[in-house]
Amino acid sequence: MTAVVNVESCSGCGECVQVCPLDAITMQNDKASVDPEVCGDCGACVDACPTQSISIS
């Protein structure tokens, strides 16, 4: 399982990047992008996302 970003609703605020303990999230074209090889499924980004654009699946 890994974090998945809905780029349609992602506002590009970067909150998820700030809270990710594994640095698995970067910003690409002003949208969050998760590296599934690094993601540890902790859910910190899900809780931090103000637009509810991230889920774990």
Protein backbone atom coordinates (compact mmCIF):
# COMPACT_ATOMS: atom_id res chain seq x y z
CA MET A 1 0.00 0.00 0.00
CA THR A 2 1.11 3.54 -0.69
CA ALA A 3 -0.16 7.10 -0.66
CA VAL A 4 -1.93 8.16 -3.84
CA VAL A 5 -2.51 11.78 -4.84
CA ASN A 6 -5.59 12.93 -6.72
CA VAL A 7 -3.89 15.57 -8.87
CA GLU A 8 -7.24 17.00 -9.95
CA SER A 9 -7.98 18.23 -6.42
CA CYS A 10 -4.40 18.78 -5.17
CA SER A 11 -3.92 22.49 -4.51
CA GLY A 12 -0.13 22.27 -4.48
CA CYS A 13 0.14 23.68 -0.96
CA GLY A 14 3.01 21.36 0.00
CA GLU A 15 1.70 20.47 3.47
CA CYS A 16 2.19 16.79 2.69
CA VAL A 17 5.82 17.36 1.73
CA GLN A 18 6.45 19.02 5.08
CA VAL A 19 4.98 16.20 7.19
CA CYS A 20 6.29 13.15 5.32
CA PRO A 21 8.86 11.51 7.64
CA LEU A 22 10.45 9.55 4.78
CA ASP A 23 10.68 12.39 2.22
CA ALA A 24 8.61 10.28 -0.17
CA ILE A 25 6.63 13.25 -1.49
CA THR A 26 7.89 15.92 -3.86
CA MET A 27 6.20 18.66 -5.83
CA GLN A 28 6.07 18.24 -9.59
CA ASN A 29 4.30 20.81 -11.75
CA ASP A 30 2.82 22.33 -8.58
CA LYS A 31 1.21 19.01 -7.58
CA ALA A 32 2.24 16.46 -4.96
CA SER A 33 3.89 13.30 -6.23
CA VAL A 34 4.52 10.21 -4.07
CA ASP A 35 7.41 7.82 -4.66
CA PRO A 36 5.80 4.43 -3.93
CA GLU A 37 9.22 2.84 -3.39
CA VAL A 38 9.89 5.19 -0.47
CA CYS A 39 6.40 5.65 1.00
CA GLY A 40 5.93 3.90 4.33
CA ASP A 41 2.11 4.03 4.44
CA CYS A 42 2.11 6.08 7.65
CA GLY A 43 -0.79 8.33 6.63
CA ALA A 44 0.75 11.57 7.87
CA CYS A 45 0.16 13.15 4.46
CA VAL A 46 -3.48 12.04 4.44
CA ASP A 47 -4.08 13.81 7.75
CA ALA A 48 -2.18 16.94 6.66
CA CYS A 49 -3.86 17.43 3.27
CA PRO A 50 -6.36 20.31 3.51
CA THR A 51 -8.11 19.28 0.26
CA GLN A 52 -8.33 15.56 1.13
CA SER A 53 -6.49 14.78 -2.09
CA ILE A 54 -4.35 11.96 -0.68
CA SER A 55 -5.45 8.45 0.19
CA ILE A 56 -3.71 5.20 1.07
CA SER A 57 -4.39 2.34 -1.29
